[in-house]
Each structure stands twice: as C-alpha cells, then as structure tokens.
C-alpha cells in the first residue's frame, strides 16, 4: 500500500478523531513515540477504497438519527510496534497478544476502522 492511497475522512464529510493522538499518555506512550510513528494530528485516515463505502453507511445511519464516528483508521506499522511494546511492558505478552493483532495488523492498510455511533 502506498501512503498516497490514504485519504482524510473529514474531506468526505465523516466525523472522527485519531484514538492514539488523544489517548497516547493513557496507553503508556509519549508524544515522541506517536510522532516517531508518523502520527502528527488527530485527523483520521482510511484507504481511499473504503471512504465512499463509509459515506454510504453513514447516510443510512443518518436516516435513523445516528452518524458514524470513526475512532481510528490507518495506523502505521511503527505505531503498531510501539503500542505493542508498551502494552507488553505494562500488561505482559500473553494479555497483550489476546487483544492486539500483531499478525495481520489490520489498521496498517487503512482498510480497518474502529467506529461508534453518534446520536445526532
């Protein structure tokens, strides 16, 4: 995947913020950690191939009084690595492996998102 395949969700009218930009301290990371992992703002990025799909799903939810709120999209492999390292230090390898997918790294392609419903 090329970084040029990533788009910002706000340019598609979608709402969200980057989870690790706001929660890095509570996850045992430093500002330097996230900056070194190419996370430079709270804007969420996704692969361009899913942006329009998210817009279509959002339109359906809007008719029901909700909106999609993206809590995370693309996550660099460097961010995966540092989050994993810090979680292992804090919680141990077994607990970290049970909730953190380091094999597939689904967010590293920008094709996986974490969402919540926003009551409009």
C-alpha atoms as a PDB file:
ATOM      1  CA  UNK A   1       0.000   0.000   0.000  1.00  0.00           C
ATOM      2  CA  UNK A   2       1.189   3.472  -0.819  1.00  0.00           C
ATOM      3  CA  UNK A   3       0.596   6.307   1.622  1.00  0.00           C
ATOM      4  CA  UNK A   4      -0.966   8.116  -1.345  1.00  0.00           C
ATOM      5  CA  UNK A   5      -3.833   5.588  -1.097  1.00  0.00           C
ATOM      6  CA  UNK A   6      -4.872   7.177   2.202  1.00  0.00           C
ATOM      7  CA  UNK A   7      -7.490   9.917   2.457  1.00  0.00           C
ATOM      8  CA  UNK A   8      -8.722  12.003   5.349  1.00  0.00           C
ATOM      9  CA  UNK A   9     -12.277  11.164   6.419  1.00  0.00           C
ATOM     10  CA  UNK A  10     -13.186  14.784   7.132  1.00  0.00           C
ATOM     11  CA  UNK A  11     -12.747  15.501   3.423  1.00  0.00           C
ATOM     12  CA  UNK A  12     -15.643  13.064   2.879  1.00  0.00           C
ATOM     13  CA  UNK A  13     -17.867  14.694   5.488  1.00  0.00           C
ATOM     14  CA  UNK A  14     -17.253  11.977   8.077  1.00  0.00           C
ATOM     15  CA  UNK A  15     -16.543  12.637  11.740  1.00  0.00           C
ATOM     16  CA  UNK A  16     -13.841  11.186  13.917  1.00  0.00           C
ATOM     17  CA  UNK A  17     -10.579  11.645  15.759  1.00  0.00           C
ATOM     18  CA  UNK A  18      -7.446   9.562  15.909  1.00  0.00           C
ATOM     19  CA  UNK A  19      -7.515   7.430  19.061  1.00  0.00           C
ATOM     20  CA  UNK A  20      -3.789   7.379  19.769  1.00  0.00           C
ATOM     21  CA  UNK A  21      -3.366  11.119  19.172  1.00  0.00           C
ATOM     22  CA  UNK A  22      -5.628  11.817  22.134  1.00  0.00           C
ATOM     23  CA  UNK A  23      -5.026   8.739  24.291  1.00  0.00           C
ATOM     24  CA  UNK A  24      -1.291   8.201  23.919  1.00  0.00           C
ATOM     25  CA  UNK A  25      -0.500   9.039  27.564  1.00  0.00           C
ATOM     26  CA  UNK A  26      -3.126   6.676  28.953  1.00  0.00           C
ATOM     27  CA  UNK A  27      -1.695   3.932  26.732  1.00  0.00           C
ATOM     28  CA  UNK A  28       1.830   4.380  28.089  1.00  0.00           C
ATOM     29  CA  UNK A  29       3.137   6.273  25.076  1.00  0.00           C
ATOM     30  CA  UNK A  30       4.966   9.560  24.852  1.00  0.00           C
ATOM     31  CA  UNK A  31       4.358  12.365  22.381  1.00  0.00           C
ATOM     32  CA  UNK A  32       7.717  11.454  20.870  1.00  0.00           C
ATOM     33  CA  UNK A  33       6.509   7.851  20.397  1.00  0.00           C
ATOM     34  CA  UNK A  34       3.495   8.871  18.343  1.00  0.00           C
ATOM     35  CA  UNK A  35       5.382  11.492  16.344  1.00  0.00           C
ATOM     36  CA  UNK A  36       8.120   8.950  15.530  1.00  0.00           C
ATOM     37  CA  UNK A  37       5.371   6.596  14.348  1.00  0.00           C
ATOM     38  CA  UNK A  38       4.197   9.207  11.798  1.00  0.00           C
ATOM     39  CA  UNK A  39       1.120  10.254  13.772  1.00  0.00           C
ATOM     40  CA  UNK A  40       1.041  14.026  13.509  1.00  0.00           C
ATOM     41  CA  UNK A  41      -2.584  15.045  14.045  1.00  0.00           C
ATOM     42  CA  UNK A  42      -5.966  13.875  15.226  1.00  0.00           C
ATOM     43  CA  UNK A  43      -7.290  13.552  11.659  1.00  0.00           C
ATOM     44  CA  UNK A  44      -8.342  10.015  10.763  1.00  0.00           C
ATOM     45  CA  UNK A  45      -7.110   8.481   7.537  1.00  0.00           C
ATOM     46  CA  UNK A  46      -8.524   5.468   5.698  1.00  0.00           C
ATOM     47  CA  UNK A  47      -7.701   3.736   2.439  1.00  0.00           C
ATOM     48  CA  UNK A  48      -9.390   5.523  -0.451  1.00  0.00           C
ATOM     49  CA  UNK A  49     -11.170   2.279  -1.412  1.00  0.00           C
ATOM     50  CA  UNK A  50     -13.349   2.336   1.716  1.00  0.00           C
ATOM     51  CA  UNK A  51     -14.040   6.058   2.023  1.00  0.00           C
ATOM     52  CA  UNK A  52     -17.135   6.055  -0.199  1.00  0.00           C
ATOM     53  CA  UNK A  53     -18.392   2.872   1.487  1.00  0.00           C
ATOM     54  CA  UNK A  54     -18.194   4.598   4.856  1.00  0.00           C
ATOM     55  CA  UNK A  55     -20.069   7.587   3.419  1.00  0.00           C
ATOM     56  CA  UNK A  56     -22.827   5.267   2.130  1.00  0.00           C
ATOM     57  CA  UNK A  57     -23.156   3.516   5.502  1.00  0.00           C
ATOM     58  CA  UNK A  58     -23.199   6.874   7.250  1.00  0.00           C
ATOM     59  CA  UNK A  59     -26.098   8.050   5.055  1.00  0.00           C
ATOM     60  CA  UNK A  60     -28.151   5.058   6.178  1.00  0.00           C
ATOM     61  CA  UNK A  61     -27.413   5.737   9.824  1.00  0.00           C
ATOM     62  CA  UNK A  62     -28.329   9.418   9.425  1.00  0.00           C
ATOM     63  CA  UNK A  63     -31.844   8.385   8.345  1.00  0.00           C
ATOM     64  CA  UNK A  64     -32.110   6.599  11.693  1.00  0.00           C
ATOM     65  CA  UNK A  65     -30.851   9.542  13.778  1.00  0.00           C
ATOM     66  CA  UNK A  66     -27.212   8.458  14.088  1.00  0.00           C
ATOM     67  CA  UNK A  67     -23.864   9.139  12.438  1.00  0.00           C
ATOM     68  CA  UNK A  68     -20.704   7.105  12.216  1.00  0.00           C
ATOM     69  CA  UNK A  69     -17.899   8.383  14.393  1.00  0.00           C
ATOM     70  CA  UNK A  70     -14.525   6.943  13.434  1.00  0.00           C
ATOM     71  CA  UNK A  71     -12.280   6.454  16.427  1.00  0.00           C
ATOM     72  CA  UNK A  72      -9.400   5.141  14.377  1.00  0.00           C
ATOM     73  CA  UNK A  73      -8.495   4.244  10.820  1.00  0.00           C
ATOM     74  CA  UNK A  74      -4.998   3.900   9.435  1.00  0.00           C
ATOM     75  CA  UNK A  75      -2.327   3.043  11.986  1.00  0.00           C
ATOM     76  CA  UNK A  76       1.280   2.852  10.801  1.00  0.00           C
ATOM     77  CA  UNK A  77       3.292  -0.295  11.406  1.00  0.00           C
ATOM     78  CA  UNK A  78       5.627   1.823  13.540  1.00  0.00           C
ATOM     79  CA  UNK A  79       2.684   2.801  15.747  1.00  0.00           C
ATOM     80  CA  UNK A  80       1.608  -0.843  15.986  1.00  0.00           C
ATOM     81  CA  UNK A  81       5.116  -1.751  17.082  1.00  0.00           C
ATOM     82  CA  UNK A  82       5.461   0.904  19.777  1.00  0.00           C
ATOM     83  CA  UNK A  83       1.938   0.342  21.168  1.00  0.00           C
ATOM     84  CA  UNK A  84       2.601  -3.392  21.304  1.00  0.00           C
ATOM     85  CA  UNK A  85       5.941  -2.892  23.037  1.00  0.00           C
ATOM     86  CA  UNK A  86       4.444  -0.573  25.667  1.00  0.00           C
ATOM     87  CA  UNK A  87       1.451  -2.889  26.293  1.00  0.00           C
ATOM     88  CA  UNK A  88       3.763  -5.877  26.774  1.00  0.00           C
ATOM     89  CA  UNK A  89       5.808  -3.861  29.271  1.00  0.00           C
ATOM     90  CA  UNK A  90       2.667  -2.925  31.196  1.00  0.00           C
ATOM     91  CA  UNK A  91       0.409  -5.986  30.859  1.00  0.00           C
ATOM     92  CA  UNK A  92       2.671  -8.812  29.697  1.00  0.00           C
ATOM     93  CA  UNK A  93       2.889 -10.624  26.375  1.00  0.00           C
ATOM     94  CA  UNK A  94       0.016 -13.068  26.933  1.00  0.00           C
ATOM     95  CA  UNK A  95      -2.551 -10.406  27.822  1.00  0.00           C
ATOM     96  CA  UNK A  96      -1.363  -8.125  25.030  1.00  0.00           C
ATOM     97  CA  UNK A  97      -1.465 -10.901  22.431  1.00  0.00           C
ATOM     98  CA  UNK A  98      -5.031 -11.748  23.423  1.00  0.00           C
ATOM     99  CA  UNK A  99      -6.340  -8.325  22.332  1.00  0.00           C
ATOM    100  CA  UNK A 100      -3.763  -6.860  19.948  1.00  0.00           C
ATOM    101  CA  UNK A 101      -3.449  -8.326  16.433  1.00  0.00           C
ATOM    102  CA  UNK A 102       0.221  -8.094  15.517  1.00  0.00           C
ATOM    103  CA  UNK A 103      -0.019 -10.829  12.867  1.00  0.00           C
ATOM    104  CA  UNK A 104      -2.369  -9.108  10.442  1.00  0.00           C
ATOM    105  CA  UNK A 105      -2.069  -5.513  11.676  1.00  0.00           C
ATOM    106  CA  UNK A 106      -5.497  -4.755  10.188  1.00  0.00           C
ATOM    107  CA  UNK A 107      -5.263  -0.967  10.533  1.00  0.00           C
ATOM    108  CA  UNK A 108      -1.883  -0.792   8.764  1.00  0.00           C
ATOM    109  CA  UNK A 109      -3.579  -0.888   5.361  1.00  0.00           C
ATOM    110  CA  UNK A 110      -6.184   1.707   6.251  1.00  0.00           C
ATOM    111  CA  UNK A 111      -8.884  -0.845   5.417  1.00  0.00           C
ATOM    112  CA  UNK A 112      -9.966  -1.364   9.023  1.00  0.00           C
ATOM    113  CA  UNK A 113     -11.729   1.207  11.170  1.00  0.00           C
ATOM    114  CA  UNK A 114     -12.975   1.442  14.731  1.00  0.00           C
ATOM    115  CA  UNK A 115     -16.364   3.158  14.858  1.00  0.00           C
ATOM    116  CA  UNK A 116     -19.003   4.253  17.290  1.00  0.00           C
ATOM    117  CA  UNK A 117     -22.479   5.555  16.643  1.00  0.00           C
ATOM    118  CA  UNK A 118     -23.053   9.235  17.312  1.00  0.00           C
ATOM    119  CA  UNK A 119     -26.590  10.140  18.385  1.00  0.00           C
ATOM    120  CA  UNK A 120     -27.411  13.237  16.350  1.00  0.00           C
END
